[in-house]
Amino acid sequence: MIVNDPLQLAPAITEALETVFDPEIPVNIVELGLVYELITKEGGIAKVVMTLTAPGCPVAGDIIDEVQRKVSDVEGVHQALVELTFDPAWDKSMMSDVARLELGFM
């Protein structure tokens, strides 16, 4: 994950994102490697650039809504933006060792 965090909100935002799970995979979106970039700007603006495990994910809207809601709830965040991208496409190599271990890939 790339972090650009002049407001020093990244630890709290990351902690909030670690409570968001892909409903089909019992691992949070940070460990899955779905969060590509976290940017904070003056005025309490936080932007999360993320992807999904598949472009046709049937719960994409739910995941994005949950990310936006949980980032918005972080103290110091006044506006949460979520940008969905599929470039680069997600693959299993983007998962952390923790996620690989939990899913039996190690």
PDB file of N, CA and C in Angstrom:
ATOM      1  N   MET A   1       0.856  -1.177   0.000  1.00  0.00           N
ATOM      2  CA  MET A   1       0.000   0.000   0.000  1.00  0.00           C
ATOM      3  C   MET A   1       0.897   1.233   0.000  1.00  0.00           C
ATOM      4  N   ILE A   2       0.585   2.152  -0.854  1.00  0.00           N
ATOM      5  CA  ILE A   2       1.282   3.442  -0.908  1.00  0.00           C
ATOM      6  C   ILE A   2       0.546   4.399   0.029  1.00  0.00           C
ATOM      7  N   VAL A   3       1.296   5.097   0.866  1.00  0.00           N
ATOM      8  CA  VAL A   3       0.682   6.009   1.831  1.00  0.00           C
ATOM      9  C   VAL A   3       1.252   7.407   1.651  1.00  0.00           C
ATOM     10  N   ASN A   4       0.366   8.369   1.446  1.00  0.00           N
ATOM     11  CA  ASN A   4       0.709   9.785   1.401  1.00  0.00           C
ATOM     12  C   ASN A   4      -0.143  10.421   2.491  1.00  0.00           C
ATOM     13  N   ASP A   5       0.465  10.716   3.642  1.00  0.00           N
ATOM     14  CA  ASP A   5      -0.307  11.022   4.833  1.00  0.00           C
ATOM     15  C   ASP A   5       0.200  12.243   5.604  1.00  0.00           C
ATOM     16  N   PRO A   6       0.073  13.451   5.042  1.00  0.00           N
ATOM     17  CA  PRO A   6       0.541  14.623   5.782  1.00  0.00           C
ATOM     18  C   PRO A   6      -0.240  14.882   7.078  1.00  0.00           C
ATOM     19  N   LEU A   7      -1.430  14.342   7.208  1.00  0.00           N
ATOM     20  CA  LEU A   7      -2.224  14.564   8.418  1.00  0.00           C
ATOM     21  C   LEU A   7      -1.984  13.500   9.489  1.00  0.00           C
ATOM     22  N   GLN A   8      -1.181  12.504   9.177  1.00  0.00           N
ATOM     23  CA  GLN A   8      -0.855  11.414  10.091  1.00  0.00           C
ATOM     24  C   GLN A   8      -2.093  10.659  10.568  1.00  0.00           C
ATOM     25  N   LEU A   9      -3.022  10.451   9.645  1.00  0.00           N
ATOM     26  CA  LEU A   9      -4.228   9.693   9.945  1.00  0.00           C
ATOM     27  C   LEU A   9      -4.130   8.238   9.496  1.00  0.00           C
ATOM     28  N   ALA A  10      -3.085   7.899   8.751  1.00  0.00           N
ATOM     29  CA  ALA A  10      -2.978   6.569   8.148  1.00  0.00           C
ATOM     30  C   ALA A  10      -3.101   5.419   9.149  1.00  0.00           C
ATOM     31  N   PRO A  11      -2.445   5.484  10.319  1.00  0.00           N
ATOM     32  CA  PRO A  11      -2.592   4.357  11.246  1.00  0.00           C
ATOM     33  C   PRO A  11      -4.049   4.112  11.660  1.00  0.00           C
ATOM     34  N   ALA A  12      -4.774   5.165  11.961  1.00  0.00           N
ATOM     35  CA  ALA A  12      -6.176   5.014  12.377  1.00  0.00           C
ATOM     36  C   ALA A  12      -7.047   4.565  11.210  1.00  0.00           C
ATOM     37  N   ILE A  13      -6.786   5.082  10.015  1.00  0.00           N
ATOM     38  CA  ILE A  13      -7.554   4.675   8.838  1.00  0.00           C
ATOM     39  C   ILE A  13      -7.270   3.212   8.515  1.00  0.00           C
ATOM     40  N   THR A  14      -6.007   2.838   8.569  1.00  0.00           N
ATOM     41  CA  THR A  14      -5.642   1.443   8.299  1.00  0.00           C
ATOM     42  C   THR A  14      -6.313   0.512   9.296  1.00  0.00           C
ATOM     43  N   GLU A  15      -6.327   0.912  10.553  1.00  0.00           N
ATOM     44  CA  GLU A  15      -6.997   0.109  11.587  1.00  0.00           C
ATOM     45  C   GLU A  15      -8.481  -0.057  11.265  1.00  0.00           C
ATOM     46  N   ALA A  16      -9.118   1.009  10.798  1.00  0.00           N
ATOM     47  CA  ALA A  16     -10.535   0.930  10.415  1.00  0.00           C
ATOM     48  C   ALA A  16     -10.721   0.005   9.212  1.00  0.00           C
ATOM     49  N   LEU A  17      -9.823   0.102   8.240  1.00  0.00           N
ATOM     50  CA  LEU A  17      -9.925  -0.736   7.045  1.00  0.00           C
ATOM     51  C   LEU A  17      -9.699  -2.214   7.362  1.00  0.00           C
ATOM     52  N   GLU A  18      -8.947  -2.490   8.420  1.00  0.00           N
ATOM     53  CA  GLU A  18      -8.709  -3.876   8.816  1.00  0.00           C
ATOM     54  C   GLU A  18      -9.964  -4.543   9.386  1.00  0.00           C
ATOM     55  N   THR A  19     -11.044  -3.772   9.548  1.00  0.00           N
ATOM     56  CA  THR A  19     -12.315  -4.338  10.015  1.00  0.00           C
ATOM     57  C   THR A  19     -13.278  -4.585   8.859  1.00  0.00           C
ATOM     58  N   VAL A  20     -12.814  -4.338   7.627  1.00  0.00           N
ATOM     59  CA  VAL A  20     -13.641  -4.559   6.438  1.00  0.00           C
ATOM     60  C   VAL A  20     -13.199  -5.866   5.793  1.00  0.00           C
ATOM     61  N   PHE A  21     -14.143  -6.763   5.605  1.00  0.00           N
ATOM     62  CA  PHE A  21     -13.849  -8.072   5.049  1.00  0.00           C
ATOM     63  C   PHE A  21     -14.591  -8.285   3.737  1.00  0.00           C
ATOM     64  N   ASP A  22     -13.920  -8.949   2.810  1.00  0.00           N
ATOM     65  CA  ASP A  22     -14.596  -9.433   1.610  1.00  0.00           C
ATOM     66  C   ASP A  22     -15.490 -10.571   2.095  1.00  0.00           C
ATOM     67  N   PRO A  23     -16.796 -10.517   1.847  1.00  0.00           N
ATOM     68  CA  PRO A  23     -17.698 -11.540   2.392  1.00  0.00           C
ATOM     69  C   PRO A  23     -17.381 -12.959   1.921  1.00  0.00           C
ATOM     70  N   GLU A  24     -16.690 -13.088   0.797  1.00  0.00           N
ATOM     71  CA  GLU A  24     -16.398 -14.413   0.267  1.00  0.00           C
ATOM     72  C   GLU A  24     -15.070 -14.964   0.771  1.00  0.00           C
ATOM     73  N   ILE A  25     -14.241 -14.091   1.373  1.00  0.00           N
ATOM     74  CA  ILE A  25     -12.923 -14.497   1.847  1.00  0.00           C
ATOM     75  C   ILE A  25     -12.769 -13.993   3.284  1.00  0.00           C
ATOM     76  N   PRO A  26     -12.479 -14.871   4.233  1.00  0.00           N
ATOM     77  CA  PRO A  26     -12.442 -14.457   5.643  1.00  0.00           C
ATOM     78  C   PRO A  26     -11.154 -13.730   6.046  1.00  0.00           C
ATOM     79  N   VAL A  27     -10.747 -12.759   5.243  1.00  0.00           N
ATOM     80  CA  VAL A  27      -9.547 -11.978   5.516  1.00  0.00           C
ATOM     81  C   VAL A  27      -9.880 -10.518   5.220  1.00  0.00           C
ATOM     82  N   ASN A  28      -9.332  -9.584   6.003  1.00  0.00           N
ATOM     83  CA  ASN A  28      -9.666  -8.175   5.782  1.00  0.00           C
ATOM     84  C   ASN A  28      -9.026  -7.655   4.491  1.00  0.00           C
ATOM     85  N   ILE A  29      -9.563  -6.541   4.005  1.00  0.00           N
ATOM     86  CA  ILE A  29      -9.143  -6.011   2.702  1.00  0.00           C
ATOM     87  C   ILE A  29      -7.702  -5.503   2.686  1.00  0.00           C
ATOM     88  N   VAL A  30      -7.164  -5.126   3.841  1.00  0.00           N
ATOM     89  CA  VAL A  30      -5.770  -4.683   3.903  1.00  0.00           C
ATOM     90  C   VAL A  30      -4.850  -5.887   3.702  1.00  0.00           C
ATOM     91  N   GLU A  31      -5.093  -6.957   4.447  1.00  0.00           N
ATOM     92  CA  GLU A  31      -4.264  -8.166   4.331  1.00  0.00           C
ATOM     93  C   GLU A  31      -4.420  -8.818   2.955  1.00  0.00           C
ATOM     94  N   LEU A  32      -5.595  -8.680   2.352  1.00  0.00           N
ATOM     95  CA  LEU A  32      -5.799  -9.226   1.005  1.00  0.00           C
ATOM     96  C   LEU A  32      -5.037  -8.442  -0.058  1.00  0.00           C
ATOM     97  N   GLY A  33      -4.600  -7.228   0.292  1.00  0.00           N
ATOM     98  CA  GLY A  33      -3.892  -6.401  -0.681  1.00  0.00           C
ATOM     99  C   GLY A  33      -4.821  -5.640  -1.601  1.00  0.00           C
ATOM    100  N   LEU A  34      -6.052  -5.445  -1.158  1.00  0.00           N
ATOM    101  CA  LEU A  34      -7.033  -4.734  -1.982  1.00  0.00           C
ATOM    102  C   LEU A  34      -6.903  -3.217  -1.880  1.00  0.00           C
ATOM    103  N   VAL A  35      -6.217  -2.726  -0.854  1.00  0.00           N
ATOM    104  CA  VAL A  35      -6.018  -1.284  -0.688  1.00  0.00           C
ATOM    105  C   VAL A  35      -4.682  -0.932  -1.329  1.00  0.00           C
ATOM    106  N   TYR A  36      -4.746  -0.185  -2.421  1.00  0.00           N
ATOM    107  CA  TYR A  36      -3.546   0.180  -3.172  1.00  0.00           C
ATOM    108  C   TYR A  36      -2.905   1.460  -2.666  1.00  0.00           C
ATOM    109  N   GLU A  37      -3.742   2.425  -2.272  1.00  0.00           N
ATOM    110  CA  GLU A  37      -3.198   3.725  -1.894  1.00  0.00           C
ATOM    111  C   GLU A  37      -4.092   4.394  -0.867  1.00  0.00           C
ATOM    112  N   LEU A  38      -3.460   5.110   0.050  1.00  0.00           N
ATOM    113  CA  LEU A  38      -4.155   5.880   1.069  1.00  0.00           C
ATOM    114  C   LEU A  38      -3.571   7.282   1.054  1.00  0.00           C
ATOM    115  N   ILE A  39      -4.425   8.268   0.837  1.00  0.00           N
ATOM    116  CA  ILE A  39      -3.981   9.652   0.720  1.00  0.00           C
ATOM    117  C   ILE A  39      -4.809  10.503   1.674  1.00  0.00           C
ATOM    118  N   THR A  40      -4.129  11.364   2.443  1.00  0.00           N
ATOM    119  CA  THR A  40      -4.861  12.340   3.249  1.00  0.00           C
ATOM    120  C   THR A  40      -4.430  13.730   2.827  1.00  0.00           C
ATOM    121  N   LYS A  41      -5.381  14.653   2.921  1.00  0.00           N
ATOM    122  CA  LYS A  41      -5.121  16.037   2.530  1.00  0.00           C
ATOM    123  C   LYS A  41      -5.691  16.976   3.580  1.00  0.00           C
ATOM    124  N   GLU A  42      -5.232  18.213   3.530  1.00  0.00           N
ATOM    125  CA  GLU A  42      -5.745  19.221   4.458  1.00  0.00           C
ATOM    126  C   GLU A  42      -7.258  19.279   4.390  1.00  0.00           C
ATOM    127  N   GLY A  43      -7.850  19.638   5.504  1.00  0.00           N
ATOM    128  CA  GLY A  43      -9.298  19.690   5.586  1.00  0.00           C
ATOM    129  C   GLY A  43      -9.889  18.356   6.010  1.00  0.00           C
ATOM    130  N   GLY A  44      -9.017  17.391   6.337  1.00  0.00           N
ATOM    131  CA  GLY A  44      -9.506  16.089   6.783  1.00  0.00           C
ATOM    132  C   GLY A  44     -10.026  15.214   5.666  1.00  0.00           C
ATOM    133  N   ILE A  45      -9.505  15.406   4.468  1.00  0.00           N
ATOM    134  CA  ILE A  45      -9.925  14.591   3.329  1.00  0.00           C
ATOM    135  C   ILE A  45      -9.064  13.331   3.283  1.00  0.00           C
ATOM    136  N   ALA A  46      -9.714  12.197   3.199  1.00  0.00           N
ATOM    137  CA  ALA A  46      -9.010  10.916   3.097  1.00  0.00           C
ATOM    138  C   ALA A  46      -9.511  10.194   1.859  1.00  0.00           C
ATOM    139  N   LYS A  47      -8.565   9.728   1.064  1.00  0.00           N
ATOM    140  CA  LYS A  47      -8.915   8.999  -0.165  1.00  0.00           C
ATOM    141  C   LYS A  47      -8.282   7.614  -0.114  1.00  0.00           C
ATOM    142  N   VAL A  48      -9.105   6.617  -0.382  1.00  0.00           N
ATOM    143  CA  VAL A  48      -8.649   5.234  -0.446  1.00  0.00           C
ATOM    144  C   VAL A  48      -8.796   4.776  -1.891  1.00  0.00           C
ATOM    145  N   VAL A  49      -7.684   4.351  -2.477  1.00  0.00           N
ATOM    146  CA  VAL A  49      -7.710   3.768  -3.815  1.00  0.00           C
ATOM    147  C   VAL A  49      -7.616   2.263  -3.613  1.00  0.00           C
ATOM    148  N   MET A  50      -8.612   1.560  -4.103  1.00  0.00           N
ATOM    149  CA  MET A  50      -8.672   0.125  -3.835  1.00  0.00           C
ATOM    150  C   MET A  50      -9.211  -0.647  -5.027  1.00  0.00           C
ATOM    151  N   THR A  51      -9.137  -1.935  -4.915  1.00  0.00           N
ATOM    152  CA  THR A  51      -9.657  -2.817  -5.942  1.00  0.00           C
ATOM    153  C   THR A  51     -10.495  -3.892  -5.283  1.00  0.00           C
ATOM    154  N   LEU A  52     -10.972  -4.804  -6.079  1.00  0.00           N
ATOM    155  CA  LEU A  52     -11.717  -5.961  -5.591  1.00  0.00           C
ATOM    156  C   LEU A  52     -11.038  -7.212  -6.126  1.00  0.00           C
ATOM    157  N   THR A  53     -11.375  -8.350  -5.562  1.00  0.00           N
ATOM    158  CA  THR A  53     -10.745  -9.581  -6.027  1.00  0.00           C
ATOM    159  C   THR A  53     -11.176  -9.936  -7.448  1.00  0.00           C
ATOM    160  N   ALA A  54     -12.331  -9.428  -7.869  1.00  0.00           N
ATOM    161  CA  ALA A  54     -12.817  -9.680  -9.230  1.00  0.00           C
ATOM    162  C   ALA A  54     -13.674  -8.499  -9.678  1.00  0.00           C
ATOM    163  N   PRO A  55     -13.558  -8.092 -10.949  1.00  0.00           N
ATOM    164  CA  PRO A  55     -14.346  -6.952 -11.433  1.00  0.00           C
ATOM    165  C   PRO A  55     -15.855  -7.143 -11.299  1.00  0.00           C
ATOM    166  N   GLY A  56     -16.344  -8.347 -11.394  1.00  0.00           N
ATOM    167  CA  GLY A  56     -17.783  -8.595 -11.317  1.00  0.00           C
ATOM    168  C   GLY A  56     -18.264  -8.946  -9.931  1.00  0.00           C
ATOM    169  N   CYS A  57     -17.534  -8.544  -8.920  1.00  0.00           N
ATOM    170  CA  CYS A  57     -17.871  -8.871  -7.532  1.00  0.00           C
ATOM    171  C   CYS A  57     -19.309  -8.429  -7.222  1.00  0.00           C
ATOM    172  N   PRO A  58     -20.173  -9.378  -6.827  1.00  0.00           N
ATOM    173  CA  PRO A  58     -21.575  -9.037  -6.591  1.00  0.00           C
ATOM    174  C   PRO A  58     -21.819  -8.136  -5.379  1.00  0.00           C
ATOM    175  N   VAL A  59     -20.848  -8.040  -4.477  1.00  0.00           N
ATOM    176  CA  VAL A  59     -21.025  -7.200  -3.287  1.00  0.00           C
ATOM    177  C   VAL A  59     -20.118  -5.974  -3.333  1.00  0.00           C
ATOM    178  N   ALA A  60     -19.680  -5.589  -4.508  1.00  0.00           N
ATOM    179  CA  ALA A  60     -18.768  -4.453  -4.664  1.00  0.00           C
ATOM    180  C   ALA A  60     -19.319  -3.198  -3.998  1.00  0.00           C
ATOM    181  N   GLY A  61     -20.568  -2.883  -4.253  1.00  0.00           N
ATOM    182  CA  GLY A  61     -21.177  -1.682  -3.668  1.00  0.00           C
ATOM    183  C   GLY A  61     -21.177  -1.715  -2.159  1.00  0.00           C
ATOM    184  N   ASP A  62     -21.449  -2.882  -1.590  1.00  0.00           N
ATOM    185  CA  ASP A  62     -21.470  -3.018  -0.134  1.00  0.00           C
ATOM    186  C   ASP A  62     -20.090  -2.783   0.465  1.00  0.00           C
ATOM    187  N   ILE A  63     -19.058  -3.348  -0.173  1.00  0.00           N
ATOM    188  CA  ILE A  63     -17.694  -3.187   0.335  1.00  0.00           C
ATOM    189  C   ILE A  63     -17.274  -1.726   0.261  1.00  0.00           C
ATOM    190  N   ILE A  64     -17.533  -1.082  -0.863  1.00  0.00           N
ATOM    191  CA  ILE A  64     -17.164   0.325  -1.037  1.00  0.00           C
ATOM    192  C   ILE A  64     -17.899   1.206  -0.026  1.00  0.00           C
ATOM    193  N   ASP A  65     -19.179   0.953   0.165  1.00  0.00           N
ATOM    194  CA  ASP A  65     -19.955   1.714   1.153  1.00  0.00           C
ATOM    195  C   ASP A  65     -19.388   1.533   2.557  1.00  0.00           C
ATOM    196  N   GLU A  66     -19.010   0.298   2.890  1.00  0.00           N
ATOM    197  CA  GLU A  66     -18.457   0.038   4.218  1.00  0.00           C
ATOM    198  C   GLU A  66     -17.110   0.743   4.403  1.00  0.00           C
ATOM    199  N   VAL A  67     -16.270   0.717   3.375  1.00  0.00           N
ATOM    200  CA  VAL A  67     -14.983   1.412   3.442  1.00  0.00           C
ATOM    201  C   VAL A  67     -15.223   2.900   3.668  1.00  0.00           C
ATOM    202  N   GLN A  68     -16.106   3.483   2.889  1.00  0.00           N
ATOM    203  CA  GLN A  68     -16.374   4.915   3.022  1.00  0.00           C
ATOM    204  C   GLN A  68     -16.902   5.253   4.409  1.00  0.00           C
ATOM    205  N   ARG A  69     -17.808   4.440   4.908  1.00  0.00           N
ATOM    206  CA  ARG A  69     -18.397   4.687   6.228  1.00  0.00           C
ATOM    207  C   ARG A  69     -17.344   4.574   7.334  1.00  0.00           C
ATOM    208  N   LYS A  70     -16.523   3.537   7.274  1.00  0.00           N
ATOM    209  CA  LYS A  70     -15.539   3.327   8.348  1.00  0.00           C
ATOM    210  C   LYS A  70     -14.423   4.364   8.312  1.00  0.00           C
ATOM    211  N   VAL A  71     -14.008   4.786   7.130  1.00  0.00           N
ATOM    212  CA  VAL A  71     -12.996   5.840   7.042  1.00  0.00           C
ATOM    213  C   VAL A  71     -13.591   7.159   7.533  1.00  0.00           C
ATOM    214  N   SER A  72     -14.842   7.428   7.189  1.00  0.00           N
ATOM    215  CA  SER A  72     -15.517   8.650   7.644  1.00  0.00           C
ATOM    216  C   SER A  72     -15.608   8.722   9.165  1.00  0.00           C
ATOM    217  N   ASP A  73     -15.687   7.569   9.805  1.00  0.00           N
ATOM    218  CA  ASP A  73     -15.819   7.511  11.258  1.00  0.00           C
ATOM    219  C   ASP A  73     -14.499   7.747  11.998  1.00  0.00           C
ATOM    220  N   VAL A  74     -13.392   7.761  11.277  1.00  0.00           N
ATOM    221  CA  VAL A  74     -12.093   7.983  11.920  1.00  0.00           C
ATOM    222  C   VAL A  74     -11.995   9.437  12.361  1.00  0.00           C
ATOM    223  N   GLU A  75     -11.577   9.649  13.604  1.00  0.00           N
ATOM    224  CA  GLU A  75     -11.426  11.000  14.129  1.00  0.00           C
ATOM    225  C   GLU A  75     -10.418  11.779  13.287  1.00  0.00           C
ATOM    226  N   GLY A  76     -10.824  12.972  12.851  1.00  0.00           N
ATOM    227  CA  GLY A  76      -9.965  13.809  12.017  1.00  0.00           C
ATOM    228  C   GLY A  76     -10.309  13.741  10.539  1.00  0.00           C
ATOM    229  N   VAL A  77     -11.100  12.749  10.161  1.00  0.00           N
ATOM    230  CA  VAL A  77     -11.533  12.633   8.762  1.00  0.00           C
ATOM    231  C   VAL A  77     -12.874  13.336   8.629  1.00  0.00           C
ATOM    232  N   HIS A  78     -12.926  14.290   7.705  1.00  0.00           N
ATOM    233  CA  HIS A  78     -14.169  15.036   7.479  1.00  0.00           C
ATOM    234  C   HIS A  78     -14.817  14.665   6.152  1.00  0.00           C
ATOM    235  N   GLN A  79     -14.031  14.070   5.271  1.00  0.00           N
ATOM    236  CA  GLN A  79     -14.568  13.611   3.987  1.00  0.00           C
ATOM    237  C   GLN A  79     -13.783  12.371   3.566  1.00  0.00           C
ATOM    238  N   ALA A  80     -14.506  11.303   3.280  1.00  0.00           N
ATOM    239  CA  ALA A  80     -13.882  10.057   2.848  1.00  0.00           C
ATOM    240  C   ALA A  80     -14.255   9.787   1.399  1.00  0.00           C
ATOM    241  N   LEU A  81     -13.232   9.566   0.596  1.00  0.00           N
ATOM    242  CA  LEU A  81     -13.436   9.262  -0.812  1.00  0.00           C
ATOM    243  C   LEU A  81     -12.886   7.868  -1.090  1.00  0.00           C
ATOM    244  N   VAL A  82     -13.607   7.099  -1.885  1.00  0.00           N
ATOM    245  CA  VAL A  82     -13.151   5.765  -2.255  1.00  0.00           C
ATOM    246  C   VAL A  82     -13.116   5.699  -3.769  1.00  0.00           C
ATOM    247  N   GLU A  83     -11.942   5.368  -4.286  1.00  0.00           N
ATOM    248  CA  GLU A  83     -11.783   5.214  -5.735  1.00  0.00           C
ATOM    249  C   GLU A  83     -11.526   3.742  -6.024  1.00  0.00           C
ATOM    250  N   LEU A  84     -12.342   3.178  -6.882  1.00  0.00           N
ATOM    251  CA  LEU A  84     -12.196   1.785  -7.270  1.00  0.00           C
ATOM    252  C   LEU A  84     -11.405   1.712  -8.567  1.00  0.00           C
ATOM    253  N   THR A  85     -10.403   0.843  -8.588  1.00  0.00           N
ATOM    254  CA  THR A  85      -9.592   0.668  -9.786  1.00  0.00           C
ATOM    255  C   THR A  85      -9.341  -0.816 -10.019  1.00  0.00           C
ATOM    256  N   PHE A  86      -9.091  -1.166 -11.242  1.00  0.00           N
ATOM    257  CA  PHE A  86      -8.705  -2.531 -11.571  1.00  0.00           C
ATOM    258  C   PHE A  86      -7.360  -2.534 -12.293  1.00  0.00           C
ATOM    259  N   ASP A  87      -6.598  -1.470 -12.082  1.00  0.00           N
ATOM    260  CA  ASP A  87      -5.276  -1.342 -12.685  1.00  0.00           C
ATOM    261  C   ASP A  87      -4.270  -1.017 -11.592  1.00  0.00           C
ATOM    262  N   PRO A  88      -3.461  -1.942 -11.177  1.00  0.00           N
ATOM    263  CA  PRO A  88      -3.331  -3.288 -11.743  1.00  0.00           C
ATOM    264  C   PRO A  88      -4.419  -4.219 -11.215  1.00  0.00           C
ATOM    265  N   ALA A  89      -4.666  -5.252 -11.965  1.00  0.00           N
ATOM    266  CA  ALA A  89      -5.638  -6.254 -11.532  1.00  0.00           C
ATOM    267  C   ALA A  89      -5.094  -6.975 -10.308  1.00  0.00           C
ATOM    268  N   TRP A  90      -5.961  -7.266  -9.366  1.00  0.00           N
ATOM    269  CA  TRP A  90      -5.554  -7.966  -8.156  1.00  0.00           C
ATOM    270  C   TRP A  90      -5.246  -9.421  -8.472  1.00  0.00           C
ATOM    271  N   ASP A  91      -4.238  -9.947  -7.789  1.00  0.00           N
ATOM    272  CA  ASP A  91      -3.991 -11.389  -7.830  1.00  0.00           C
ATOM    273  C   ASP A  91      -3.466 -11.833  -6.468  1.00  0.00           C
ATOM    274  N   LYS A  92      -3.392 -13.123  -6.262  1.00  0.00           N
ATOM    275  CA  LYS A  92      -3.044 -13.681  -4.952  1.00  0.00           C
ATOM    276  C   LYS A  92      -1.673 -13.235  -4.445  1.00  0.00           C
ATOM    277  N   SER A  93      -0.786 -12.845  -5.342  1.00  0.00           N
ATOM    278  CA  SER A  93       0.549 -12.411  -4.913  1.00  0.00           C
ATOM    279  C   SER A  93       0.504 -11.108  -4.122  1.00  0.00           C
ATOM    280  N   MET A  94      -0.610 -10.384  -4.170  1.00  0.00           N
ATOM    281  CA  MET A  94      -0.747  -9.112  -3.461  1.00  0.00           C
ATOM    282  C   MET A  94      -1.132  -9.303  -1.988  1.00  0.00           C
ATOM    283  N   MET A  95      -1.496 -10.518  -1.620  1.00  0.00           N
ATOM    284  CA  MET A  95      -1.873 -10.798  -0.233  1.00  0.00           C
ATOM    285  C   MET A  95      -0.644 -10.775   0.671  1.00  0.00           C
ATOM    286  N   SER A  96      -0.858 -10.397   1.902  1.00  0.00           N
ATOM    287  CA  SER A  96       0.213 -10.449   2.897  1.00  0.00           C
ATOM    288  C   SER A  96       0.475 -11.909   3.270  1.00  0.00           C
ATOM    289  N   ASP A  97       1.602 -12.136   3.931  1.00  0.00           N
ATOM    290  CA  ASP A  97       1.903 -13.481   4.416  1.00  0.00           C
ATOM    291  C   ASP A  97       0.836 -13.955   5.398  1.00  0.00           C
ATOM    292  N   VAL A  98       0.318 -13.028   6.194  1.00  0.00           N
ATOM    293  CA  VAL A  98      -0.743 -13.367   7.157  1.00  0.00           C
ATOM    294  C   VAL A  98      -1.966 -13.911   6.411  1.00  0.00           C
ATOM    295  N   ALA A  99      -2.371 -13.233   5.329  1.00  0.00           N
ATOM    296  CA  ALA A  99      -3.533 -13.674   4.558  1.00  0.00           C
ATOM    297  C   ALA A  99      -3.266 -15.022   3.895  1.00  0.00           C
ATOM    298  N   ARG A 100      -2.071 -15.183   3.338  1.00  0.00           N
ATOM    299  CA  ARG A 100      -1.736 -16.459   2.694  1.00  0.00           C
ATOM    300  C   ARG A 100      -1.784 -17.599   3.701  1.00  0.00           C
ATOM    301  N   LEU A 101      -1.282 -17.344   4.883  1.00  0.00           N
ATOM    302  CA  LEU A 101      -1.284 -18.354   5.932  1.00  0.00           C
ATOM    303  C   LEU A 101      -2.710 -18.692   6.345  1.00  0.00           C
ATOM    304  N   GLU A 102      -3.542 -17.664   6.557  1.00  0.00           N
ATOM    305  CA  GLU A 102      -4.934 -17.876   6.970  1.00  0.00           C
ATOM    306  C   GLU A 102      -5.722 -18.662   5.921  1.00  0.00           C
ATOM    307  N   LEU A 103      -5.400 -18.447   4.658  1.00  0.00           N
ATOM    308  CA  LEU A 103      -6.134 -19.101   3.582  1.00  0.00           C
ATOM    309  C   LEU A 103      -5.486 -20.415   3.124  1.00  0.00           C
ATOM    310  N   GLY A 104      -4.402 -20.799   3.783  1.00  0.00           N
ATOM    311  CA  GLY A 104      -3.769 -22.066   3.476  1.00  0.00           C
ATOM    312  C   GLY A 104      -2.908 -22.068   2.233  1.00  0.00           C
ATOM    313  N   PHE A 105      -2.404 -20.892   1.821  1.00  0.00           N
ATOM    314  CA  PHE A 105      -1.540 -20.799   0.653  1.00  0.00           C
ATOM    315  C   PHE A 105      -0.066 -20.912   1.020  1.00  0.00           C
ATOM    316  N   MET A 106       0.243 -21.059   2.306  1.00  0.00           N
ATOM    317  CA  MET A 106       1.648 -21.186   2.742  1.00  0.00           C
ATOM    318  C   MET A 106       1.815 -22.482   3.515  1.00  0.00           C
TER     319      MET A 106
END
